[in-house]
Amino acid sequence: MKRIINFILFGNIYIAIAAACLVQSTVTQIGILNFNYYYSILVFFATLFIYNLQRIFYKKGEDKSLNSIRRKWIFDNQITIKILTLIGFVGVAVTFFFNDYKIIIYLSPLLLLSLAYFIPFIKLRKSAWFKLCTLAIVWTIATAAVPILLILVPILIRDPLQYHYIVCGKLSLHIATRFCFMLAICIPFDIRDINIDTAENVTTLPHKLGEETTRNIALLFTSIYSILIVIEYFISIISLWSLIALLISMIATFVLILFSSSKRSEYYYVAGIDGTMILQGVLLMITAYFTSF
């Protein structure tokens, strides 16, 4: 059972499911009708591809015997990582043809940012704020902005007056809300990796500000996120049931971040904090299903 769990978590299948769930979260919140669900599948495979591709660039000598369960699994399962990378690439190549071709315009910059994040001669992750912003921006655009653009752009072309500034402003608020959520859950991973980043000469927020201050910043963004989803409800972006689902997932996120520390198991972060994305998407899909009758 532990082997299966490690395969799902450390083979990045879990995080790929989380990415697809976040796409569905946006679709449900905004109430996008006739959404092409092949985009969610493409996001799943793209996440599987990118996250495993960067694992291939890991060097065993960089581990410094820091007792990382995740890294040990990665070093011991390089063939599996490469197979999953290939599956992700093939999945993206196939599902691309079931999506609007405009996604190549939307997603190409995200691919370049993702590659720049870990490619050795660039490695944006070596900069504390670049690392966080890169992750949050890529995830926000892929899971929130692109689904909206896929629906909004064709309508604007056919009828520019149908969507006025207020509507665009509401959608922009949703994207800002997702960005705050992504920042909130990305920051604790710097706390998790503080020892590994130290060994690799990567300076992150916990190095500069300490664990407690870094955790408080993550909690601040979680609080901002909760305020924004309440605003979304009051300006009629989301329904009452969606608000309740989001608040439940927000409370779980807040608690997990509150008790995060460098002493926590890697399972706490990979399964727990990453799992808040899945929780959010699942709760919203459940509420959407039962309120549709």
C-alpha atoms as a PDB file:
ATOM      1  CA  MET A   1       0.000   0.000   0.000  1.00  0.00           C
ATOM      2  CA  LYS A   2       2.831   2.405   0.867  1.00  0.00           C
ATOM      3  CA  ARG A   3       4.421   1.766  -2.547  1.00  0.00           C
ATOM      4  CA  ILE A   4       1.172   2.691  -4.264  1.00  0.00           C
ATOM      5  CA  ILE A   5       0.801   5.843  -2.152  1.00  0.00           C
ATOM      6  CA  ASN A   6       4.396   6.886  -2.866  1.00  0.00           C
ATOM      7  CA  PHE A   7       3.868   6.248  -6.581  1.00  0.00           C
ATOM      8  CA  ILE A   8       0.744   8.437  -6.649  1.00  0.00           C
ATOM      9  CA  LEU A   9       2.229  11.214  -4.504  1.00  0.00           C
ATOM     10  CA  PHE A  10       5.853  11.319  -5.606  1.00  0.00           C
ATOM     11  CA  GLY A  11       5.109  10.290  -9.194  1.00  0.00           C
ATOM     12  CA  ASN A  12       3.078  13.524  -9.395  1.00  0.00           C
ATOM     13  CA  ILE A  13      -0.197  11.806 -10.268  1.00  0.00           C
ATOM     14  CA  TYR A  14      -1.765  13.389  -7.181  1.00  0.00           C
ATOM     15  CA  ILE A  15      -0.694  16.926  -8.090  1.00  0.00           C
ATOM     16  CA  ALA A  16      -1.902  16.369 -11.661  1.00  0.00           C
ATOM     17  CA  ILE A  17      -5.337  15.415 -10.311  1.00  0.00           C
ATOM     18  CA  ALA A  18      -5.207  18.557  -8.157  1.00  0.00           C
ATOM     19  CA  ALA A  19      -4.568  20.701 -11.245  1.00  0.00           C
ATOM     20  CA  ALA A  20      -7.560  19.202 -13.057  1.00  0.00           C
ATOM     21  CA  CYS A  21      -9.693  19.754  -9.945  1.00  0.00           C
ATOM     22  CA  LEU A  22      -8.758  23.438  -9.874  1.00  0.00           C
ATOM     23  CA  VAL A  23      -9.836  23.835 -13.493  1.00  0.00           C
ATOM     24  CA  GLN A  24     -13.170  22.272 -12.574  1.00  0.00           C
ATOM     25  CA  SER A  25     -13.304  24.571  -9.554  1.00  0.00           C
ATOM     26  CA  THR A  26     -13.208  27.609 -11.846  1.00  0.00           C
ATOM     27  CA  VAL A  27     -15.720  26.069 -14.261  1.00  0.00           C
ATOM     28  CA  THR A  28     -18.125  25.419 -11.372  1.00  0.00           C
ATOM     29  CA  GLN A  29     -17.688  28.792  -9.672  1.00  0.00           C
ATOM     30  CA  ILE A  30     -18.081  30.858 -12.817  1.00  0.00           C
ATOM     31  CA  GLY A  31     -20.851  28.594 -14.110  1.00  0.00           C
ATOM     32  CA  ILE A  32     -19.261  28.047 -17.511  1.00  0.00           C
ATOM     33  CA  LEU A  33     -21.750  26.118 -19.647  1.00  0.00           C
ATOM     34  CA  ASN A  34     -20.719  23.648 -22.356  1.00  0.00           C
ATOM     35  CA  PHE A  35     -17.128  23.675 -21.123  1.00  0.00           C
ATOM     36  CA  ASN A  36     -14.729  21.466 -23.074  1.00  0.00           C
ATOM     37  CA  TYR A  37     -13.623  18.984 -20.409  1.00  0.00           C
ATOM     38  CA  TYR A  38     -10.729  17.906 -22.606  1.00  0.00           C
ATOM     39  CA  TYR A  39      -8.944  21.003 -21.305  1.00  0.00           C
ATOM     40  CA  SER A  40      -9.050  19.599 -17.773  1.00  0.00           C
ATOM     41  CA  ILE A  41      -7.583  16.347 -19.106  1.00  0.00           C
ATOM     42  CA  LEU A  42      -4.874  18.281 -20.956  1.00  0.00           C
ATOM     43  CA  VAL A  43      -3.989  20.153 -17.745  1.00  0.00           C
ATOM     44  CA  PHE A  44      -3.725  16.806 -15.942  1.00  0.00           C
ATOM     45  CA  PHE A  45      -1.230  15.448 -18.481  1.00  0.00           C
ATOM     46  CA  ALA A  46       0.667  18.756 -18.744  1.00  0.00           C
ATOM     47  CA  THR A  47       1.173  18.790 -14.967  1.00  0.00           C
ATOM     48  CA  LEU A  48       2.249  15.149 -15.020  1.00  0.00           C
ATOM     49  CA  PHE A  49       4.745  15.966 -17.781  1.00  0.00           C
ATOM     50  CA  ILE A  50       6.285  19.135 -16.309  1.00  0.00           C
ATOM     51  CA  TYR A  51       6.526  17.933 -12.714  1.00  0.00           C
ATOM     52  CA  ASN A  52       8.175  14.655 -13.686  1.00  0.00           C
ATOM     53  CA  LEU A  53      10.418  16.287 -16.287  1.00  0.00           C
ATOM     54  CA  GLN A  54      12.037  18.459 -13.637  1.00  0.00           C
ATOM     55  CA  ARG A  55      12.650  15.368 -11.498  1.00  0.00           C
ATOM     56  CA  ILE A  56      14.902  14.037 -14.249  1.00  0.00           C
ATOM     57  CA  PHE A  57      17.183  17.042 -13.694  1.00  0.00           C
ATOM     58  CA  TYR A  58      17.684  16.218 -10.017  1.00  0.00           C
ATOM     59  CA  LYS A  59      21.235  15.204  -9.196  1.00  0.00           C
ATOM     60  CA  LYS A  60      21.766  12.608  -6.517  1.00  0.00           C
ATOM     61  CA  GLY A  61      24.830  14.400  -5.211  1.00  0.00           C
ATOM     62  CA  GLU A  62      22.650  17.396  -4.324  1.00  0.00           C
ATOM     63  CA  ASP A  63      20.624  15.420  -1.787  1.00  0.00           C
ATOM     64  CA  LYS A  64      23.324  15.792   0.902  1.00  0.00           C
ATOM     65  CA  SER A  65      21.788  12.852   2.846  1.00  0.00           C
ATOM     66  CA  LEU A  66      18.983  15.086   4.119  1.00  0.00           C
ATOM     67  CA  ASN A  67      16.657  12.101   4.628  1.00  0.00           C
ATOM     68  CA  SER A  68      14.093  13.325   2.122  1.00  0.00           C
ATOM     69  CA  ILE A  69      11.640  10.461   1.533  1.00  0.00           C
ATOM     70  CA  ARG A  70      10.432  12.174  -1.623  1.00  0.00           C
ATOM     71  CA  ARG A  71      13.920  12.610  -3.098  1.00  0.00           C
ATOM     72  CA  LYS A  72      14.978   9.105  -2.175  1.00  0.00           C
ATOM     73  CA  TRP A  73      11.944   7.770  -4.053  1.00  0.00           C
ATOM     74  CA  ILE A  74      12.769   9.951  -7.049  1.00  0.00           C
ATOM     75  CA  PHE A  75      16.413   8.804  -7.185  1.00  0.00           C
ATOM     76  CA  ASP A  76      15.373   5.160  -6.775  1.00  0.00           C
ATOM     77  CA  ASN A  77      12.655   5.336  -9.432  1.00  0.00           C
ATOM     78  CA  GLN A  78      14.175   7.291 -12.303  1.00  0.00           C
ATOM     79  CA  ILE A  79      12.845   4.838 -14.904  1.00  0.00           C
ATOM     80  CA  THR A  80       9.328   5.285 -13.507  1.00  0.00           C
ATOM     81  CA  ILE A  81       9.783   9.067 -13.568  1.00  0.00           C
ATOM     82  CA  LYS A  82      10.836   8.960 -17.220  1.00  0.00           C
ATOM     83  CA  ILE A  83       7.896   6.733 -18.154  1.00  0.00           C
ATOM     84  CA  LEU A  84       5.476   9.107 -16.409  1.00  0.00           C
ATOM     85  CA  THR A  85       7.117  12.042 -18.201  1.00  0.00           C
ATOM     86  CA  LEU A  86       6.558  10.280 -21.523  1.00  0.00           C
ATOM     87  CA  ILE A  87       2.944   9.459 -20.627  1.00  0.00           C
ATOM     88  CA  GLY A  88       2.392  13.113 -19.751  1.00  0.00           C
ATOM     89  CA  PHE A  89       3.894  14.288 -23.045  1.00  0.00           C
ATOM     90  CA  VAL A  90       1.836  11.846 -25.125  1.00  0.00           C
ATOM     91  CA  GLY A  91      -1.290  12.789 -23.170  1.00  0.00           C
ATOM     92  CA  VAL A  92      -0.732  16.486 -23.916  1.00  0.00           C
ATOM     93  CA  ALA A  93      -0.050  15.769 -27.602  1.00  0.00           C
ATOM     94  CA  VAL A  94      -3.259  13.748 -27.971  1.00  0.00           C
ATOM     95  CA  THR A  95      -5.627  15.950 -25.936  1.00  0.00           C
ATOM     96  CA  PHE A  96      -4.315  19.083 -27.657  1.00  0.00           C
ATOM     97  CA  PHE A  97      -6.278  18.134 -30.786  1.00  0.00           C
ATOM     98  CA  PHE A  98      -9.507  17.969 -28.777  1.00  0.00           C
ATOM     99  CA  ASN A  99      -9.072  21.536 -27.535  1.00  0.00           C
ATOM    100  CA  ASP A 100      -9.286  24.990 -29.068  1.00  0.00           C
ATOM    101  CA  TYR A 101      -6.035  25.664 -30.907  1.00  0.00           C
ATOM    102  CA  LYS A 102      -5.794  29.027 -29.116  1.00  0.00           C
ATOM    103  CA  ILE A 103      -4.506  27.205 -26.043  1.00  0.00           C
ATOM    104  CA  ILE A 104      -1.093  27.037 -27.717  1.00  0.00           C
ATOM    105  CA  ILE A 105      -0.998  30.856 -27.446  1.00  0.00           C
ATOM    106  CA  TYR A 106      -2.172  30.812 -23.839  1.00  0.00           C
ATOM    107  CA  LEU A 107      -0.036  27.928 -22.606  1.00  0.00           C
ATOM    108  CA  SER A 108       3.262  28.427 -24.466  1.00  0.00           C
ATOM    109  CA  PRO A 109       4.468  31.224 -22.129  1.00  0.00           C
ATOM    110  CA  LEU A 110       3.571  28.997 -19.164  1.00  0.00           C
ATOM    111  CA  LEU A 111       5.669  26.180 -20.611  1.00  0.00           C
ATOM    112  CA  LEU A 112       8.649  28.520 -20.957  1.00  0.00           C
ATOM    113  CA  LEU A 113       8.205  29.782 -17.379  1.00  0.00           C
ATOM    114  CA  SER A 114       7.950  26.216 -16.088  1.00  0.00           C
ATOM    115  CA  LEU A 115      11.120  25.185 -17.899  1.00  0.00           C
ATOM    116  CA  ALA A 116      12.945  28.294 -16.664  1.00  0.00           C
ATOM    117  CA  TYR A 117      11.931  27.318 -13.134  1.00  0.00           C
ATOM    118  CA  PHE A 118      14.205  24.261 -13.038  1.00  0.00           C
ATOM    119  CA  ILE A 119      16.550  24.279 -16.065  1.00  0.00           C
ATOM    120  CA  PRO A 120      20.070  24.404 -14.512  1.00  0.00           C
ATOM    121  CA  PHE A 121      21.421  27.457 -16.353  1.00  0.00           C
ATOM    122  CA  ILE A 122      18.328  29.572 -15.510  1.00  0.00           C
ATOM    123  CA  LYS A 123      16.683  27.980 -12.462  1.00  0.00           C
ATOM    124  CA  LEU A 124      14.275  30.710 -11.339  1.00  0.00           C
ATOM    125  CA  ARG A 125      13.677  28.727  -8.154  1.00  0.00           C
ATOM    126  CA  LYS A 126      16.961  30.084  -6.814  1.00  0.00           C
ATOM    127  CA  SER A 127      15.270  33.449  -6.276  1.00  0.00           C
ATOM    128  CA  ALA A 128      12.817  33.513  -3.358  1.00  0.00           C
ATOM    129  CA  TRP A 129      10.147  35.761  -4.866  1.00  0.00           C
ATOM    130  CA  PHE A 130      10.654  34.616  -8.460  1.00  0.00           C
ATOM    131  CA  LYS A 131      10.139  31.042  -7.295  1.00  0.00           C
ATOM    132  CA  LEU A 132       6.855  31.818  -5.543  1.00  0.00           C
ATOM    133  CA  CYS A 133       5.517  34.156  -8.194  1.00  0.00           C
ATOM    134  CA  THR A 134       6.418  31.782 -11.019  1.00  0.00           C
ATOM    135  CA  LEU A 135       4.545  28.923  -9.385  1.00  0.00           C
ATOM    136  CA  ALA A 136       1.511  31.021  -8.456  1.00  0.00           C
ATOM    137  CA  ILE A 137       1.284  32.725 -11.856  1.00  0.00           C
ATOM    138  CA  VAL A 138       1.589  29.485 -13.849  1.00  0.00           C
ATOM    139  CA  TRP A 139      -1.009  27.698 -11.743  1.00  0.00           C
ATOM    140  CA  THR A 140      -3.386  30.689 -11.750  1.00  0.00           C
ATOM    141  CA  ILE A 141      -3.267  31.194 -15.501  1.00  0.00           C
ATOM    142  CA  ALA A 142      -3.529  27.482 -16.326  1.00  0.00           C
ATOM    143  CA  THR A 143      -6.391  26.702 -13.928  1.00  0.00           C
ATOM    144  CA  ALA A 144      -8.353  29.981 -13.823  1.00  0.00           C
ATOM    145  CA  ALA A 145      -7.449  32.435 -16.597  1.00  0.00           C
ATOM    146  CA  VAL A 146      -7.324  30.025 -19.567  1.00  0.00           C
ATOM    147  CA  PRO A 147     -10.737  28.366 -18.909  1.00  0.00           C
ATOM    148  CA  ILE A 148     -12.260  31.848 -18.770  1.00  0.00           C
ATOM    149  CA  LEU A 149     -10.454  32.970 -21.938  1.00  0.00           C
ATOM    150  CA  LEU A 150     -11.594  29.878 -23.831  1.00  0.00           C
ATOM    151  CA  ILE A 151     -15.194  30.931 -23.229  1.00  0.00           C
ATOM    152  CA  LEU A 152     -14.884  34.728 -23.125  1.00  0.00           C
ATOM    153  CA  VAL A 153     -12.766  35.467 -26.218  1.00  0.00           C
ATOM    154  CA  PRO A 154     -15.101  33.866 -28.813  1.00  0.00           C
ATOM    155  CA  ILE A 155     -18.089  35.732 -27.324  1.00  0.00           C
ATOM    156  CA  LEU A 156     -16.215  39.037 -27.335  1.00  0.00           C
ATOM    157  CA  ILE A 157     -15.316  38.517 -30.988  1.00  0.00           C
ATOM    158  CA  ARG A 158     -18.939  37.770 -31.965  1.00  0.00           C
ATOM    159  CA  ASP A 159     -20.529  40.394 -29.739  1.00  0.00           C
ATOM    160  CA  PRO A 160     -18.166  42.903 -28.079  1.00  0.00           C
ATOM    161  CA  LEU A 161     -21.051  44.563 -26.223  1.00  0.00           C
ATOM    162  CA  GLN A 162     -22.308  41.397 -24.551  1.00  0.00           C
ATOM    163  CA  TYR A 163     -19.493  41.403 -21.996  1.00  0.00           C
ATOM    164  CA  HIS A 164     -19.007  44.852 -20.535  1.00  0.00           C
ATOM    165  CA  TYR A 165     -16.413  46.105 -18.110  1.00  0.00           C
ATOM    166  CA  ILE A 166     -18.269  44.922 -15.022  1.00  0.00           C
ATOM    167  CA  VAL A 167     -18.284  41.305 -16.198  1.00  0.00           C
ATOM    168  CA  CYS A 168     -14.585  41.432 -17.101  1.00  0.00           C
ATOM    169  CA  GLY A 169     -13.900  42.987 -13.707  1.00  0.00           C
ATOM    170  CA  LYS A 170     -15.701  40.144 -11.946  1.00  0.00           C
ATOM    171  CA  LEU A 171     -13.701  37.549 -13.851  1.00  0.00           C
ATOM    172  CA  SER A 172     -10.495  39.402 -13.033  1.00  0.00           C
ATOM    173  CA  LEU A 173     -11.458  39.236  -9.360  1.00  0.00           C
ATOM    174  CA  HIS A 174     -11.828  35.462  -9.634  1.00  0.00           C
ATOM    175  CA  ILE A 175      -8.333  35.216 -11.144  1.00  0.00           C
ATOM    176  CA  ALA A 176      -6.918  37.402  -8.333  1.00  0.00           C
ATOM    177  CA  THR A 177      -8.657  35.157  -5.798  1.00  0.00           C
ATOM    178  CA  ARG A 178      -7.046  32.050  -7.297  1.00  0.00           C
ATOM    179  CA  PHE A 179      -3.638  33.781  -7.278  1.00  0.00           C
ATOM    180  CA  CYS A 180      -3.920  34.470  -3.524  1.00  0.00           C
ATOM    181  CA  PHE A 181      -4.924  30.860  -2.897  1.00  0.00           C
ATOM    182  CA  MET A 182      -1.950  29.557  -4.883  1.00  0.00           C
ATOM    183  CA  LEU A 183       0.480  31.859  -3.080  1.00  0.00           C
ATOM    184  CA  ALA A 184      -0.913  30.713   0.258  1.00  0.00           C
ATOM    185  CA  ILE A 185      -0.322  27.020  -0.438  1.00  0.00           C
ATOM    186  CA  CYS A 186       2.998  27.466  -2.275  1.00  0.00           C
ATOM    187  CA  ILE A 187       4.731  29.333   0.563  1.00  0.00           C
ATOM    188  CA  PRO A 188       4.663  26.431   3.092  1.00  0.00           C
ATOM    189  CA  PHE A 189       6.647  24.277   0.678  1.00  0.00           C
ATOM    190  CA  ASP A 190       9.580  26.634   1.171  1.00  0.00           C
ATOM    191  CA  ILE A 191       9.324  25.807   4.871  1.00  0.00           C
ATOM    192  CA  ARG A 192       9.325  22.104   4.054  1.00  0.00           C
ATOM    193  CA  ASP A 193      12.401  22.422   1.817  1.00  0.00           C
ATOM    194  CA  ILE A 194      14.419  24.765   4.030  1.00  0.00           C
ATOM    195  CA  ASN A 195      17.184  22.214   4.713  1.00  0.00           C
ATOM    196  CA  ILE A 196      17.406  20.980   1.119  1.00  0.00           C
ATOM    197  CA  ASP A 197      17.426  24.566  -0.204  1.00  0.00           C
ATOM    198  CA  THR A 198      20.208  25.432   2.245  1.00  0.00           C
ATOM    199  CA  ALA A 199      22.305  22.519   0.985  1.00  0.00           C
ATOM    200  CA  GLU A 200      21.712  23.625  -2.626  1.00  0.00           C
ATOM    201  CA  ASN A 201      22.468  27.317  -1.898  1.00  0.00           C
ATOM    202  CA  VAL A 202      18.895  28.344  -2.723  1.00  0.00           C
ATOM    203  CA  THR A 203      17.666  31.299  -0.671  1.00  0.00           C
ATOM    204  CA  THR A 204      13.944  31.291   0.101  1.00  0.00           C
ATOM    205  CA  LEU A 205      11.626  33.232   2.399  1.00  0.00           C
ATOM    206  CA  PRO A 206      12.221  31.024   5.471  1.00  0.00           C
ATOM    207  CA  HIS A 207      15.955  31.740   5.149  1.00  0.00           C
ATOM    208  CA  LYS A 208      15.349  35.481   4.988  1.00  0.00           C
ATOM    209  CA  LEU A 209      12.414  35.850   7.363  1.00  0.00           C
ATOM    210  CA  GLY A 210      12.328  32.690   9.454  1.00  0.00           C
ATOM    211  CA  GLU A 211       9.727  29.943   9.565  1.00  0.00           C
ATOM    212  CA  GLU A 212       7.198  31.767  11.730  1.00  0.00           C
ATOM    213  CA  THR A 213       7.103  34.948   9.655  1.00  0.00           C
ATOM    214  CA  THR A 214       6.935  32.933   6.447  1.00  0.00           C
ATOM    215  CA  ARG A 215       4.040  30.893   7.827  1.00  0.00           C
ATOM    216  CA  ASN A 216       2.268  34.114   8.868  1.00  0.00           C
ATOM    217  CA  ILE A 217       2.626  35.480   5.332  1.00  0.00           C
ATOM    218  CA  ALA A 218       0.982  32.309   3.997  1.00  0.00           C
ATOM    219  CA  LEU A 219      -1.819  32.706   6.549  1.00  0.00           C
ATOM    220  CA  LEU A 220      -2.212  36.347   5.488  1.00  0.00           C
ATOM    221  CA  PHE A 221      -2.747  35.321   1.868  1.00  0.00           C
ATOM    222  CA  THR A 222      -5.215  32.654   3.052  1.00  0.00           C
ATOM    223  CA  SER A 223      -7.130  35.371   4.914  1.00  0.00           C
ATOM    224  CA  ILE A 224      -7.114  37.642   1.851  1.00  0.00           C
ATOM    225  CA  TYR A 225      -8.346  34.691  -0.192  1.00  0.00           C
ATOM    226  CA  SER A 226     -11.247  34.131   2.219  1.00  0.00           C
ATOM    227  CA  ILE A 227     -12.221  37.816   2.017  1.00  0.00           C
ATOM    228  CA  LEU A 228     -12.149  37.722  -1.774  1.00  0.00           C
ATOM    229  CA  ILE A 229     -14.402  34.664  -2.023  1.00  0.00           C
ATOM    230  CA  VAL A 230     -16.933  36.409   0.238  1.00  0.00           C
ATOM    231  CA  ILE A 231     -16.776  39.442  -2.067  1.00  0.00           C
ATOM    232  CA  GLU A 232     -17.270  37.095  -5.028  1.00  0.00           C
ATOM    233  CA  TYR A 233     -20.495  35.904  -3.431  1.00  0.00           C
ATOM    234  CA  PHE A 234     -21.817  39.389  -2.693  1.00  0.00           C
ATOM    235  CA  ILE A 235     -21.210  40.569  -6.261  1.00  0.00           C
ATOM    236  CA  SER A 236     -22.883  37.425  -7.620  1.00  0.00           C
ATOM    237  CA  ILE A 237     -19.890  35.626  -9.091  1.00  0.00           C
ATOM    238  CA  ILE A 238     -20.491  32.503  -7.016  1.00  0.00           C
ATOM    239  CA  SER A 239     -23.576  30.974  -5.409  1.00  0.00           C
ATOM    240  CA  LEU A 240     -24.206  30.542  -1.693  1.00  0.00           C
ATOM    241  CA  TRP A 241     -23.470  26.814  -1.916  1.00  0.00           C
ATOM    242  CA  SER A 242     -20.202  27.505  -3.725  1.00  0.00           C
ATOM    243  CA  LEU A 243     -19.291  30.009  -1.009  1.00  0.00           C
ATOM    244  CA  ILE A 244     -19.946  27.409   1.692  1.00  0.00           C
ATOM    245  CA  ALA A 245     -17.836  24.814  -0.158  1.00  0.00           C
ATOM    246  CA  LEU A 246     -14.997  27.294  -0.610  1.00  0.00           C
ATOM    247  CA  LEU A 247     -15.086  28.384   3.026  1.00  0.00           C
ATOM    248  CA  ILE A 248     -14.907  24.760   4.197  1.00  0.00           C
ATOM    249  CA  SER A 249     -11.865  24.128   2.003  1.00  0.00           C
ATOM    250  CA  MET A 250     -10.377  27.465   3.114  1.00  0.00           C
ATOM    251  CA  ILE A 251     -10.645  26.465   6.799  1.00  0.00           C
ATOM    252  CA  ALA A 252      -8.879  23.171   6.041  1.00  0.00           C
ATOM    253  CA  THR A 253      -6.180  25.106   4.154  1.00  0.00           C
ATOM    254  CA  PHE A 254      -5.749  27.581   7.017  1.00  0.00           C
ATOM    255  CA  VAL A 255      -5.353  24.812   9.614  1.00  0.00           C
ATOM    256  CA  LEU A 256      -2.840  22.865   7.503  1.00  0.00           C
ATOM    257  CA  ILE A 257      -0.739  25.985   6.913  1.00  0.00           C
ATOM    258  CA  LEU A 258      -0.983  26.988  10.591  1.00  0.00           C
ATOM    259  CA  PHE A 259       0.610  23.718  11.706  1.00  0.00           C
ATOM    260  CA  SER A 260       3.204  23.534   8.936  1.00  0.00           C
ATOM    261  CA  SER A 261       6.885  23.426   9.918  1.00  0.00           C
ATOM    262  CA  SER A 262      10.194  22.086   8.648  1.00  0.00           C
ATOM    263  CA  LYS A 263       9.803  19.176  11.076  1.00  0.00           C
ATOM    264  CA  ARG A 264       6.619  17.932   9.422  1.00  0.00           C
ATOM    265  CA  SER A 265       6.675  14.817   7.236  1.00  0.00           C
ATOM    266  CA  GLU A 266       6.789  15.362   3.478  1.00  0.00           C
ATOM    267  CA  TYR A 267       3.488  13.478   3.307  1.00  0.00           C
ATOM    268  CA  TYR A 268       1.937  16.337   5.293  1.00  0.00           C
ATOM    269  CA  TYR A 269       2.731  18.758   2.467  1.00  0.00           C
ATOM    270  CA  VAL A 270       2.318  16.591  -0.618  1.00  0.00           C
ATOM    271  CA  ALA A 271      -0.858  14.823   0.533  1.00  0.00           C
ATOM    272  CA  GLY A 272      -2.237  17.485   2.881  1.00  0.00           C
ATOM    273  CA  ILE A 273      -1.539  20.967   1.557  1.00  0.00           C
ATOM    274  CA  ASP A 274      -1.593  19.941  -2.118  1.00  0.00           C
ATOM    275  CA  GLY A 275      -4.756  18.034  -1.264  1.00  0.00           C
ATOM    276  CA  THR A 276      -6.559  21.298  -0.516  1.00  0.00           C
ATOM    277  CA  MET A 277      -6.774  21.850  -4.282  1.00  0.00           C
ATOM    278  CA  ILE A 278      -8.518  18.510  -4.694  1.00  0.00           C
ATOM    279  CA  LEU A 279     -10.762  19.216  -1.707  1.00  0.00           C
ATOM    280  CA  GLN A 280     -11.819  22.551  -3.184  1.00  0.00           C
ATOM    281  CA  GLY A 281     -12.633  21.075  -6.593  1.00  0.00           C
ATOM    282  CA  VAL A 282     -14.455  18.022  -5.206  1.00  0.00           C
ATOM    283  CA  LEU A 283     -16.591  20.060  -2.771  1.00  0.00           C
ATOM    284  CA  LEU A 284     -17.599  22.460  -5.535  1.00  0.00           C
ATOM    285  CA  MET A 285     -18.447  19.645  -7.968  1.00  0.00           C
ATOM    286  CA  ILE A 286     -20.534  17.909  -5.283  1.00  0.00           C
ATOM    287  CA  THR A 287     -22.480  21.078  -4.465  1.00  0.00           C
ATOM    288  CA  ALA A 288     -22.978  21.789  -8.183  1.00  0.00           C
ATOM    289  CA  TYR A 289     -24.317  18.274  -8.706  1.00  0.00           C
ATOM    290  CA  PHE A 290     -26.822  18.352  -5.851  1.00  0.00           C
ATOM    291  CA  THR A 291     -28.014  21.892  -6.560  1.00  0.00           C
ATOM    292  CA  SER A 292     -28.618  21.149 -10.241  1.00  0.00           C
ATOM    293  CA  PHE A 293     -31.786  19.154  -9.513  1.00  0.00           C
END
